PDB file of N, CA and C in Angstrom:
ATOM      1  N   MET A   1       1.049  -0.984   0.208  1.00  0.00           N
ATOM      2  CA  MET A   1      -0.123   0.198   0.000  1.00  0.00           C
ATOM      3  C   MET A   1       0.693   1.040   0.066  1.00  0.00           C
ATOM      4  N   GLN A   2       0.518   2.329  -0.916  1.00  0.00           N
ATOM      5  CA  GLN A   2       1.203   3.178  -1.017  1.00  0.00           C
ATOM      6  C   GLN A   2       0.958   4.426   0.042  1.00  0.00           C
ATOM      7  N   GLN A   3       2.232   5.026   0.731  1.00  0.00           N
ATOM      8  CA  GLN A   3       1.608   6.132   1.502  1.00  0.00           C
ATOM      9  C   GLN A   3       1.752   7.116   1.151  1.00  0.00           C
ATOM     10  N   LEU A   4       0.799   8.172   1.818  1.00  0.00           N
ATOM     11  CA  LEU A   4       0.311   9.461   1.518  1.00  0.00           C
ATOM     12  C   LEU A   4       1.801  10.171   1.775  1.00  0.00           C
ATOM     13  N   LYS A   5       1.703  11.302   0.636  1.00  0.00           N
ATOM     14  CA  LYS A   5       2.869  12.420   1.283  1.00  0.00           C
ATOM     15  C   LYS A   5       2.470  13.050   2.324  1.00  0.00           C
ATOM     16  N   TYR A   6       3.419  13.874   2.855  1.00  0.00           N
ATOM     17  CA  TYR A   6       3.445  14.584   4.151  1.00  0.00           C
ATOM     18  C   TYR A   6       3.885  15.753   3.866  1.00  0.00           C
ATOM     19  N   GLU A   7       3.364  17.023   3.726  1.00  0.00           N
ATOM     20  CA  GLU A   7       3.820  18.557   3.196  1.00  0.00           C
ATOM     21  C   GLU A   7       2.530  19.340   4.463  1.00  0.00           C
ATOM     22  N   LYS A   8       3.982  20.002   5.101  1.00  0.00           N
ATOM     23  CA  LYS A   8       2.913  20.635   6.170  1.00  0.00           C
ATOM     24  C   LYS A   8       2.647  21.877   5.473  1.00  0.00           C
ATOM     25  N   ASN A   9       1.281  22.246   6.153  1.00  0.00           N
ATOM     26  CA  ASN A   9       0.734  23.277   5.363  1.00  0.00           C
ATOM     27  C   ASN A   9       0.366  25.011   6.557  1.00  0.00           C
ATOM     28  N   PRO A  10       1.506  25.635   6.109  1.00  0.00           N
ATOM     29  CA  PRO A  10       1.226  26.826   6.845  1.00  0.00           C
ATOM     30  C   PRO A  10       0.437  27.137   7.001  1.00  0.00           C
ATOM     31  N   LYS A  11      -0.781  27.008   6.500  1.00  0.00           N
ATOM     32  CA  LYS A  11      -2.599  27.612   6.643  1.00  0.00           C
ATOM     33  C   LYS A  11      -2.703  26.717   7.500  1.00  0.00           C
ATOM     34  N   VAL A  12      -2.202  25.992   7.740  1.00  0.00           N
ATOM     35  CA  VAL A  12      -3.159  25.185   8.947  1.00  0.00           C
ATOM     36  C   VAL A  12      -2.477  24.941  10.412  1.00  0.00           C
ATOM     37  N   PHE A  13      -1.152  24.541  10.270  1.00  0.00           N
ATOM     38  CA  PHE A  13      -0.202  24.513  11.592  1.00  0.00           C
ATOM     39  C   PHE A  13       0.288  26.142  11.746  1.00  0.00           C
ATOM     40  N   ASN A  14      -0.279  26.301  13.376  1.00  0.00           N
ATOM     41  CA  ASN A  14       0.548  27.528  13.294  1.00  0.00           C
ATOM     42  C   ASN A  14       1.804  27.017  14.175  1.00  0.00           C
ATOM     43  N   PRO A  15       3.165  28.417  13.848  1.00  0.00           N
ATOM     44  CA  PRO A  15       4.091  27.608  14.167  1.00  0.00           C
ATOM     45  C   PRO A  15       4.418  27.537  15.551  1.00  0.00           C
ATOM     46  N   LYS A  16       3.713  28.376  16.517  1.00  0.00           N
ATOM     47  CA  LYS A  16       3.610  28.228  17.776  1.00  0.00           C
ATOM     48  C   LYS A  16       3.194  27.053  18.830  1.00  0.00           C
ATOM     49  N   ASP A  17       2.189  26.642  17.847  1.00  0.00           N
ATOM     50  CA  ASP A  17       1.810  25.313  18.019  1.00  0.00           C
ATOM     51  C   ASP A  17       2.884  24.238  18.718  1.00  0.00           C
ATOM     52  N   GLU A  18       2.374  23.576  19.348  1.00  0.00           N
ATOM     53  CA  GLU A  18       3.198  21.899  19.948  1.00  0.00           C
ATOM     54  C   GLU A  18       2.396  21.088  18.434  1.00  0.00           C
ATOM     55  N   VAL A  19       3.330  20.136  17.691  1.00  0.00           N
ATOM     56  CA  VAL A  19       2.645  18.998  17.211  1.00  0.00           C
ATOM     57  C   VAL A  19       3.182  17.492  17.799  1.00  0.00           C
ATOM     58  N   ILE A  20       1.997  16.468  18.467  1.00  0.00           N
ATOM     59  CA  ILE A  20       2.341  15.863  18.822  1.00  0.00           C
ATOM     60  C   ILE A  20       1.904  14.733  18.134  1.00  0.00           C
ATOM     61  N   SER A  21       3.304  13.522  17.565  1.00  0.00           N
ATOM     62  CA  SER A  21       2.955  12.715  17.003  1.00  0.00           C
ATOM     63  C   SER A  21       2.579  11.015  17.580  1.00  0.00           C
ATOM     64  N   PHE A  22       1.548  10.223  16.482  1.00  0.00           N
ATOM     65  CA  PHE A  22       1.258   9.414  17.623  1.00  0.00           C
ATOM     66  C   PHE A  22       1.202   7.856  16.011  1.00  0.00           C
ATOM     67  N   LYS A  23       1.365   6.948  16.603  1.00  0.00           N
ATOM     68  CA  LYS A  23       0.945   5.999  15.116  1.00  0.00           C
ATOM     69  C   LYS A  23      -0.274   5.527  15.693  1.00  0.00           C
ATOM     70  N   CYS A  24      -1.052   5.202  14.271  1.00  0.00           N
ATOM     71  CA  CYS A  24      -2.561   4.330  14.376  1.00  0.00           C
ATOM     72  C   CYS A  24      -2.415   3.522  13.316  1.00  0.00           C
ATOM     73  N   GLU A  25      -3.530   2.905  13.618  1.00  0.00           N
ATOM     74  CA  GLU A  25      -3.579   1.951  12.113  1.00  0.00           C
ATOM     75  C   GLU A  25      -5.115   2.421  11.683  1.00  0.00           C
ATOM     76  N   LEU A  26      -4.725   2.015  10.661  1.00  0.00           N
ATOM     77  CA  LEU A  26      -6.032   2.448  10.161  1.00  0.00           C
ATOM     78  C   LEU A  26      -6.577   1.445   9.329  1.00  0.00           C
ATOM     79  N   GLN A  27      -7.959   1.219   8.725  1.00  0.00           N
ATOM     80  CA  GLN A  27      -8.264   0.166   7.860  1.00  0.00           C
ATOM     81  C   GLN A  27      -7.923   0.344   6.833  1.00  0.00           C
ATOM     82  N   GLU A  28      -7.716  -0.597   5.856  1.00  0.00           N
ATOM     83  CA  GLU A  28      -7.311  -0.364   4.454  1.00  0.00           C
ATOM     84  C   GLU A  28      -8.637   0.499   3.733  1.00  0.00           C
ATOM     85  N   ASN A  29      -9.333   0.636   3.710  1.00  0.00           N
ATOM     86  CA  ASN A  29     -10.577   0.891   3.197  1.00  0.00           C
ATOM     87  C   ASN A  29     -10.492   2.534   3.817  1.00  0.00           C
ATOM     88  N   LEU A  30     -10.131   2.807   4.752  1.00  0.00           N
ATOM     89  CA  LEU A  30     -10.089   4.185   5.000  1.00  0.00           C
ATOM     90  C   LEU A  30      -9.282   4.841   4.532  1.00  0.00           C
ATOM     91  N   GLN A  31      -7.920   4.384   4.236  1.00  0.00           N
ATOM     92  CA  GLN A  31      -6.858   4.648   4.005  1.00  0.00           C
ATOM     93  C   GLN A  31      -6.748   4.904   2.943  1.00  0.00           C
ATOM     94  N   LYS A  32      -7.743   4.442   1.968  1.00  0.00           N
ATOM     95  CA  LYS A  32      -7.548   3.811   0.484  1.00  0.00           C
ATOM     96  C   LYS A  32      -8.655   5.354  -0.021  1.00  0.00           C
ATOM     97  N   ALA A  33      -9.478   5.536   0.456  1.00  0.00           N
ATOM     98  CA  ALA A  33     -10.433   6.525   0.734  1.00  0.00           C
ATOM     99  C   ALA A  33      -9.884   8.100   1.039  1.00  0.00           C
ATOM    100  N   MET A  34      -8.816   8.097   2.197  1.00  0.00           N
ATOM    101  CA  MET A  34      -8.422   9.162   2.291  1.00  0.00           C
ATOM    102  C   MET A  34      -7.048   9.686   0.786  1.00  0.00           C
ATOM    103  N   LYS A  35      -6.602   8.571   0.597  1.00  0.00           N
ATOM    104  CA  LYS A  35      -5.543   8.602  -0.519  1.00  0.00           C
ATOM    105  C   LYS A  35      -6.421   8.841  -1.812  1.00  0.00           C
ATOM    106  N   VAL A  36      -7.071   8.502  -2.351  1.00  0.00           N
ATOM    107  CA  VAL A  36      -8.215   9.271  -3.027  1.00  0.00           C
ATOM    108  C   VAL A  36      -8.468  10.794  -2.872  1.00  0.00           C
ATOM    109  N   PHE A  37      -9.124  11.294  -1.599  1.00  0.00           N
ATOM    110  CA  PHE A  37      -9.728  12.086  -1.672  1.00  0.00           C
ATOM    111  C   PHE A  37      -8.540  13.702  -1.511  1.00  0.00           C
ATOM    112  N   VAL A  38      -7.570  13.183  -0.876  1.00  0.00           N
ATOM    113  CA  VAL A  38      -5.949  14.146  -1.179  1.00  0.00           C
ATOM    114  C   VAL A  38      -5.612  14.414  -2.397  1.00  0.00           C
ATOM    115  N   GLU A  39      -5.920  13.306  -3.731  1.00  0.00           N
ATOM    116  CA  GLU A  39      -5.466  13.278  -4.652  1.00  0.00           C
ATOM    117  C   GLU A  39      -6.487  14.056  -5.983  1.00  0.00           C
ATOM    118  N   GLU A  40      -7.849  13.750  -5.075  1.00  0.00           N
ATOM    119  CA  GLU A  40      -8.498  15.001  -5.986  1.00  0.00           C
ATOM    120  C   GLU A  40      -8.180  16.548  -5.244  1.00  0.00           C
ATOM    121  N   HIS A  41      -8.083  16.597  -4.455  1.00  0.00           N
ATOM    122  CA  HIS A  41      -8.111  17.735  -3.308  1.00  0.00           C
ATOM    123  C   HIS A  41      -6.736  18.183  -2.484  1.00  0.00           C
ATOM    124  N   PRO A  42      -6.112  18.641  -3.594  1.00  0.00           N
ATOM    125  CA  PRO A  42      -4.484  18.902  -3.212  1.00  0.00           C
ATOM    126  C   PRO A  42      -3.995  19.766  -2.090  1.00  0.00           C
ATOM    127  N   ASN A  43      -5.301  20.179  -1.993  1.00  0.00           N
ATOM    128  CA  ASN A  43      -4.920  21.285  -0.771  1.00  0.00           C
ATOM    129  C   ASN A  43      -4.835  20.897   0.588  1.00  0.00           C
ATOM    130  N   TRP A  44      -5.327  19.374   0.622  1.00  0.00           N
ATOM    131  CA  TRP A  44      -5.505  18.359   2.330  1.00  0.00           C
ATOM    132  C   TRP A  44      -4.364  17.393   2.010  1.00  0.00           C
ATOM    133  N   ASP A  45      -4.308  16.785   2.886  1.00  0.00           N
ATOM    134  CA  ASP A  45      -3.353  16.487   3.342  1.00  0.00           C
ATOM    135  C   ASP A  45      -3.827  15.151   4.176  1.00  0.00           C
ATOM    136  N   GLN A  46      -3.272  14.077   4.730  1.00  0.00           N
ATOM    137  CA  GLN A  46      -3.823  12.785   5.652  1.00  0.00           C
ATOM    138  C   GLN A  46      -4.053  13.606   6.988  1.00  0.00           C
ATOM    139  N   TYR A  47      -3.007  14.548   7.620  1.00  0.00           N
ATOM    140  CA  TYR A  47      -3.187  15.325   8.542  1.00  0.00           C
ATOM    141  C   TYR A  47      -3.400  16.068   9.229  1.00  0.00           C
ATOM    142  N   ARG A  48      -4.070  16.618   7.680  1.00  0.00           N
ATOM    143  CA  ARG A  48      -5.500  17.981   7.794  1.00  0.00           C
ATOM    144  C   ARG A  48      -6.297  17.130   8.322  1.00  0.00           C
ATOM    145  N   ILE A  49      -6.974  15.989   7.592  1.00  0.00           N
ATOM    146  CA  ILE A  49      -8.532  15.090   7.530  1.00  0.00           C
ATOM    147  C   ILE A  49      -8.143  14.911   9.011  1.00  0.00           C
ATOM    148  N   ILE A  50      -7.239  13.898   9.676  1.00  0.00           N
ATOM    149  CA  ILE A  50      -7.340  13.481  11.248  1.00  0.00           C
ATOM    150  C   ILE A  50      -7.328  14.475  12.164  1.00  0.00           C
ATOM    151  N   GLN A  51      -7.165  15.557  11.583  1.00  0.00           N
ATOM    152  CA  GLN A  51      -7.134  16.239  12.475  1.00  0.00           C
ATOM    153  C   GLN A  51      -8.515  17.284  11.911  1.00  0.00           C
ATOM    154  N   ALA A  52      -8.736  17.405  11.427  1.00  0.00           N
ATOM    155  CA  ALA A  52     -10.723  18.092  11.007  1.00  0.00           C
ATOM    156  C   ALA A  52     -11.210  16.651  11.800  1.00  0.00           C
ATOM    157  N   ALA A  53     -11.475  15.646  12.033  1.00  0.00           N
ATOM    158  CA  ALA A  53     -11.748  14.102  11.953  1.00  0.00           C
ATOM    159  C   ALA A  53     -12.029  14.580  13.386  1.00  0.00           C
ATOM    160  N   ILE A  54     -10.856  14.336  14.317  1.00  0.00           N
ATOM    161  CA  ILE A  54     -10.704  14.341  15.558  1.00  0.00           C
ATOM    162  C   ILE A  54     -11.004  15.511  16.677  1.00  0.00           C
ATOM    163  N   ALA A  55     -11.029  16.953  15.915  1.00  0.00           N
ATOM    164  CA  ALA A  55     -11.358  18.214  16.133  1.00  0.00           C
ATOM    165  C   ALA A  55     -13.194  18.112  16.302  1.00  0.00           C
ATOM    166  N   GLY A  56     -13.605  17.831  15.134  1.00  0.00           N
ATOM    167  CA  GLY A  56     -15.052  17.849  14.911  1.00  0.00           C
ATOM    168  C   GLY A  56     -15.957  16.550  15.482  1.00  0.00           C
ATOM    169  N   PHE A  57     -14.957  15.599  15.809  1.00  0.00           N
ATOM    170  CA  PHE A  57     -15.788  14.625  16.558  1.00  0.00           C
ATOM    171  C   PHE A  57     -16.035  15.384  18.569  1.00  0.00           C
ATOM    172  N   LEU A  58     -14.733  16.090  18.793  1.00  0.00           N
ATOM    173  CA  LEU A  58     -14.799  16.275  19.952  1.00  0.00           C
ATOM    174  C   LEU A  58     -16.346  17.648  19.908  1.00  0.00           C
ATOM    175  N   MET A  59     -16.035  18.078  18.947  1.00  0.00           N
ATOM    176  CA  MET A  59     -17.146  19.388  19.232  1.00  0.00           C
ATOM    177  C   MET A  59     -18.049  18.642  19.356  1.00  0.00           C
ATOM    178  N   GLN A  60     -18.914  17.723  18.199  1.00  0.00           N
ATOM    179  CA  GLN A  60     -20.179  16.920  18.886  1.00  0.00           C
ATOM    180  C   GLN A  60     -20.291  16.313  19.488  1.00  0.00           C
ATOM    181  N   LYS A  61     -18.983  15.766  20.660  1.00  0.00           N
ATOM    182  CA  LYS A  61     -19.444  15.236  22.165  1.00  0.00           C
ATOM    183  C   LYS A  61     -19.618  15.996  22.748  1.00  0.00           C
ATOM    184  N   GLY A  62     -19.698  17.727  22.456  1.00  0.00           N
ATOM    185  CA  GLY A  62     -19.558  18.835  23.387  1.00  0.00           C
ATOM    186  C   GLY A  62     -18.619  19.200  23.910  1.00  0.00           C
ATOM    187  N   PHE A  63     -17.471  18.782  23.404  1.00  0.00           N
ATOM    188  CA  PHE A  63     -15.978  20.096  24.474  1.00  0.00           C
ATOM    189  C   PHE A  63     -16.163  21.004  23.137  1.00  0.00           C
ATOM    190  N   GLN A  64     -16.184  21.962  24.117  1.00  0.00           N
ATOM    191  CA  GLN A  64     -15.970  23.345  23.903  1.00  0.00           C
ATOM    192  C   GLN A  64     -14.543  24.177  24.106  1.00  0.00           C
ATOM    193  N   ASN A  65     -14.168  24.444  22.945  1.00  0.00           N
ATOM    194  CA  ASN A  65     -12.532  25.141  23.520  1.00  0.00           C
ATOM    195  C   ASN A  65     -12.435  25.927  22.596  1.00  0.00           C
ATOM    196  N   ARG A  66     -11.893  27.322  22.395  1.00  0.00           N
ATOM    197  CA  ARG A  66     -11.690  27.875  21.190  1.00  0.00           C
ATOM    198  C   ARG A  66     -10.474  27.283  20.823  1.00  0.00           C
ATOM    199  N   ASP A  67      -9.096  27.204  20.934  1.00  0.00           N
ATOM    200  CA  ASP A  67      -8.244  26.551  20.136  1.00  0.00           C
ATOM    201  C   ASP A  67      -8.885  25.497  19.655  1.00  0.00           C
ATOM    202  N   LEU A  68      -9.954  24.439  19.528  1.00  0.00           N
ATOM    203  CA  LEU A  68     -10.270  22.951  19.323  1.00  0.00           C
ATOM    204  C   LEU A  68     -10.685  24.159  18.563  1.00  0.00           C
ATOM    205  N   THR A  69     -12.039  24.331  18.336  1.00  0.00           N
ATOM    206  CA  THR A  69     -12.602  25.283  17.152  1.00  0.00           C
ATOM    207  C   THR A  69     -12.074  25.773  16.347  1.00  0.00           C
ATOM    208  N   ARG A  70     -11.238  26.928  16.809  1.00  0.00           N
ATOM    209  CA  ARG A  70     -10.096  27.333  15.850  1.00  0.00           C
ATOM    210  C   ARG A  70      -9.304  26.018  14.978  1.00  0.00           C
ATOM    211  N   LEU A  71      -8.763  25.376  15.375  1.00  0.00           N
ATOM    212  CA  LEU A  71      -8.252  24.434  14.632  1.00  0.00           C
ATOM    213  C   LEU A  71      -9.233  23.509  14.006  1.00  0.00           C
ATOM    214  N   TYR A  72     -10.910  23.089  14.300  1.00  0.00           N
ATOM    215  CA  TYR A  72     -11.582  22.568  12.970  1.00  0.00           C
ATOM    216  C   TYR A  72     -11.523  23.365  12.116  1.00  0.00           C
ATOM    217  N   ILE A  73     -12.188  24.720  12.545  1.00  0.00           N
ATOM    218  CA  ILE A  73     -12.264  25.734  11.391  1.00  0.00           C
ATOM    219  C   ILE A  73     -11.310  25.817  10.358  1.00  0.00           C
ATOM    220  N   GLY A  74     -10.330  25.948  11.213  1.00  0.00           N
ATOM    221  CA  GLY A  74      -8.474  26.094   9.972  1.00  0.00           C
ATOM    222  C   GLY A  74      -8.921  25.270   9.365  1.00  0.00           C
ATOM    223  N   ASN A  75      -9.061  23.852   9.498  1.00  0.00           N
ATOM    224  CA  ASN A  75      -8.780  23.031   8.817  1.00  0.00           C
ATOM    225  C   ASN A  75      -9.372  22.869   7.295  1.00  0.00           C
ATOM    226  N   MET A  76     -11.019  22.996   7.962  1.00  0.00           N
ATOM    227  CA  MET A  76     -11.790  22.814   7.308  1.00  0.00           C
ATOM    228  C   MET A  76     -12.148  23.854   6.075  1.00  0.00           C
ATOM    229  N   PHE A  77     -11.917  25.740   6.055  1.00  0.00           N
ATOM    230  CA  PHE A  77     -11.293  26.353   5.585  1.00  0.00           C
ATOM    231  C   PHE A  77      -9.963  26.669   4.941  1.00  0.00           C
ATOM    232  N   SER A  78      -9.279  26.059   5.437  1.00  0.00           N
ATOM    233  CA  SER A  78      -7.707  26.354   5.172  1.00  0.00           C
ATOM    234  C   SER A  78      -7.521  28.259   5.438  1.00  0.00           C
ATOM    235  N   MET A  79      -8.010  28.606   7.141  1.00  0.00           N
ATOM    236  CA  MET A  79      -7.929  29.309   7.517  1.00  0.00           C
ATOM    237  C   MET A  79      -6.475  29.529   8.793  1.00  0.00           C
ATOM    238  N   ASN A  80      -5.790  30.610   8.712  1.00  0.00           N
ATOM    239  CA  ASN A  80      -5.322  30.630   9.690  1.00  0.00           C
ATOM    240  C   ASN A  80      -5.237  31.474  10.809  1.00  0.00           C
ATOM    241  N   PHE A  81      -5.749  31.536  12.179  1.00  0.00           N
ATOM    242  CA  PHE A  81      -6.308  32.641  13.269  1.00  0.00           C
ATOM    243  C   PHE A  81      -5.329  32.953  13.899  1.00  0.00           C
ATOM    244  N   LYS A  82      -4.750  34.542  14.159  1.00  0.00           N
ATOM    245  CA  LYS A  82      -3.894  34.512  14.448  1.00  0.00           C
ATOM    246  C   LYS A  82      -3.954  35.020  15.816  1.00  0.00           C
ATOM    247  N   ASP A  83      -3.274  34.985  17.062  1.00  0.00           N
ATOM    248  CA  ASP A  83      -4.258  35.370  18.314  1.00  0.00           C
ATOM    249  C   ASP A  83      -4.274  36.820  18.377  1.00  0.00           C
TER     250      ASP A  83
END
């Protein structure tokens, strides 16, 4: 299975933010779907998708945090919020 490319999107990542990496296993179907999506939407990458998905899930479950909201909106709309 081919790995997706990773290029940091400066519109999504704030240089002041800490980035914590973790490994997770994805089902093959999910990985393939992400690969197709990224190929069709070059302004997205697998990391942006995962961040948006986690932030969206937490917001749907009632977790309210300004930084989380900024991360979610920033990922969804390629926006960069300044403090």
